[in-house]
Every structure is written in structure tokens, then in C-alpha cells.
Amino acid sequence: MDFNDIILIIVALFLITLVVLQSSKDNINNAFSGEKSELFNNQKQRGFELVMSRVTAVTSVVFIMLSVWAMVS
């Protein structure tokens, strides 16, 4: 294993952890029943949810960049 692979695995595990820790806003019953969903409503994130969302976005961009870099090198 190369240094690039180890860094990529660490970032991938961190990204998986961030996604699992985020709370879901939808009820699973509404997804299958076809009831009114508030998925596309304008819901503001505040506090810890906002920080988690931004850290997840940055981590996903870093993961994509590292994946492309690992393929090229």
C-alpha cells in the first residue's frame, strides 16, 4: 500500500462516519406511502447540523480529489 492509498482510506472512513452521524429529516413511512414529503422545502440548518453539513461537503470534495489523484499517480 502506498501513502496515497492510506490517506484515501482514512478520508473515506471519516466521510462514512460523518454521513452516519447526520440525522435524517424524513420519515421512512412517507417515502414509501407517497404522502406529502417536505424533502424540497426550504429548511434552514442551524448550529451543529450546519457544521456537520459543511464538514461533510468539504470532506467529500477532498475524497473526490484524492481519488482522482490516486488514479493518476
C-alpha atoms as a PDB file:
ATOM      1  CA  MET A   1       0.000   0.000   0.000  1.00  0.00           C
ATOM      2  CA  ASP A   2       1.165   3.432  -0.923  1.00  0.00           C
ATOM      3  CA  PHE A   3       0.875   6.588   1.178  1.00  0.00           C
ATOM      4  CA  ASN A   4      -1.890   7.851  -1.159  1.00  0.00           C
ATOM      5  CA  ASP A   5      -3.969   4.738  -0.506  1.00  0.00           C
ATOM      6  CA  ILE A   6      -3.682   5.071   3.258  1.00  0.00           C
ATOM      7  CA  ILE A   7      -4.755   8.726   3.194  1.00  0.00           C
ATOM      8  CA  LEU A   8      -7.664   7.843   0.880  1.00  0.00           C
ATOM      9  CA  ILE A   9      -8.859   5.099   3.251  1.00  0.00           C
ATOM     10  CA  ILE A  10      -8.663   7.439   6.253  1.00  0.00           C
ATOM     11  CA  VAL A  11     -10.650  10.163   4.460  1.00  0.00           C
ATOM     12  CA  ALA A  12     -13.199   7.570   3.276  1.00  0.00           C
ATOM     13  CA  LEU A  13     -13.730   6.272   6.813  1.00  0.00           C
ATOM     14  CA  PHE A  14     -14.079   9.831   8.121  1.00  0.00           C
ATOM     15  CA  LEU A  15     -16.651  10.611   5.394  1.00  0.00           C
ATOM     16  CA  ILE A  16     -18.637   7.467   6.194  1.00  0.00           C
ATOM     17  CA  THR A  17     -18.635   8.402   9.880  1.00  0.00           C
ATOM     18  CA  LEU A  18     -19.881  11.915   9.133  1.00  0.00           C
ATOM     19  CA  VAL A  19     -22.719  10.654   6.952  1.00  0.00           C
ATOM     20  CA  VAL A  20     -23.814   8.089   9.535  1.00  0.00           C
ATOM     21  CA  LEU A  21     -23.811  10.697  12.323  1.00  0.00           C
ATOM     22  CA  GLN A  22     -26.124  13.078  10.484  1.00  0.00           C
ATOM     23  CA  SER A  23     -29.775  12.917  11.432  1.00  0.00           C
ATOM     24  CA  SER A  24     -32.452  12.166   8.896  1.00  0.00           C
ATOM     25  CA  LYS A  25     -35.171  14.747   8.341  1.00  0.00           C
ATOM     26  CA  ASP A  26     -37.695  12.478   6.633  1.00  0.00           C
ATOM     27  CA  ASN A  27     -39.849   9.706   7.978  1.00  0.00           C
ATOM     28  CA  ILE A  28     -39.284   6.408   6.184  1.00  0.00           C
ATOM     29  CA  ASN A  29     -43.043   5.725   6.107  1.00  0.00           C
ATOM     30  CA  ASN A  30     -43.669   8.831   3.999  1.00  0.00           C
ATOM     31  CA  ALA A  31     -41.099   7.719   1.441  1.00  0.00           C
ATOM     32  CA  PHE A  32     -42.989   4.531   0.585  1.00  0.00           C
ATOM     33  CA  SER A  33     -46.579   5.704   1.058  1.00  0.00           C
ATOM     34  CA  GLY A  34     -46.394   8.659  -1.338  1.00  0.00           C
ATOM     35  CA  GLU A  35     -47.665  11.119   1.235  1.00  0.00           C
ATOM     36  CA  LYS A  36     -46.680  14.753   1.193  1.00  0.00           C
ATOM     37  CA  SER A  37     -42.935  14.978   1.658  1.00  0.00           C
ATOM     38  CA  GLU A  38     -41.119  18.043   2.902  1.00  0.00           C
ATOM     39  CA  LEU A  39     -37.917  16.989   1.171  1.00  0.00           C
ATOM     40  CA  PHE A  40     -37.666  20.010  -1.103  1.00  0.00           C
ATOM     41  CA  ASN A  41     -38.940  22.623   1.328  1.00  0.00           C
ATOM     42  CA  ASN A  42     -36.584  25.402   2.259  1.00  0.00           C
ATOM     43  CA  GLN A  43     -35.364  24.156   5.644  1.00  0.00           C
ATOM     44  CA  LYS A  44     -32.610  26.088   7.366  1.00  0.00           C
ATOM     45  CA  GLN A  45     -29.846  24.277   9.169  1.00  0.00           C
ATOM     46  CA  ARG A  46     -28.528  25.761  12.367  1.00  0.00           C
ATOM     47  CA  GLY A  47     -25.776  25.098  14.838  1.00  0.00           C
ATOM     48  CA  PHE A  48     -24.321  21.615  14.885  1.00  0.00           C
ATOM     49  CA  GLU A  49     -26.307  20.480  11.810  1.00  0.00           C
ATOM     50  CA  LEU A  50     -24.832  23.321   9.766  1.00  0.00           C
ATOM     51  CA  VAL A  51     -21.295  22.477  10.869  1.00  0.00           C
ATOM     52  CA  MET A  52     -21.803  18.771  10.106  1.00  0.00           C
ATOM     53  CA  SER A  53     -23.225  19.592   6.681  1.00  0.00           C
ATOM     54  CA  ARG A  54     -20.312  21.833   5.753  1.00  0.00           C
ATOM     55  CA  VAL A  55     -17.664  19.438   7.068  1.00  0.00           C
ATOM     56  CA  THR A  56     -19.298  16.609   5.100  1.00  0.00           C
ATOM     57  CA  ALA A  57     -19.286  18.689   1.925  1.00  0.00           C
ATOM     58  CA  VAL A  58     -15.623  19.626   2.325  1.00  0.00           C
ATOM     59  CA  THR A  59     -14.662  16.037   3.156  1.00  0.00           C
ATOM     60  CA  SER A  60     -16.490  14.718   0.095  1.00  0.00           C
ATOM     61  CA  VAL A  61     -14.633  17.177  -2.149  1.00  0.00           C
ATOM     62  CA  VAL A  62     -11.327  16.131  -0.579  1.00  0.00           C
ATOM     63  CA  PHE A  63     -12.258  12.466  -1.096  1.00  0.00           C
ATOM     64  CA  ILE A  64     -13.033  13.049  -4.781  1.00  0.00           C
ATOM     65  CA  MET A  65      -9.792  14.963  -5.301  1.00  0.00           C
ATOM     66  CA  LEU A  66      -7.762  12.249  -3.594  1.00  0.00           C
ATOM     67  CA  SER A  67      -9.496   9.566  -5.645  1.00  0.00           C
ATOM     68  CA  VAL A  68      -8.618  11.310  -8.898  1.00  0.00           C
ATOM     69  CA  TRP A  69      -5.061  11.905  -7.666  1.00  0.00           C
ATOM     70  CA  ALA A  70      -4.677   8.218  -6.730  1.00  0.00           C
ATOM     71  CA  MET A  71      -5.871   7.157 -10.195  1.00  0.00           C
ATOM     72  CA  VAL A  72      -3.452   9.482 -11.976  1.00  0.00           C
ATOM     73  CA  SER A  73      -0.381   8.628  -9.933  1.00  0.00           C
END
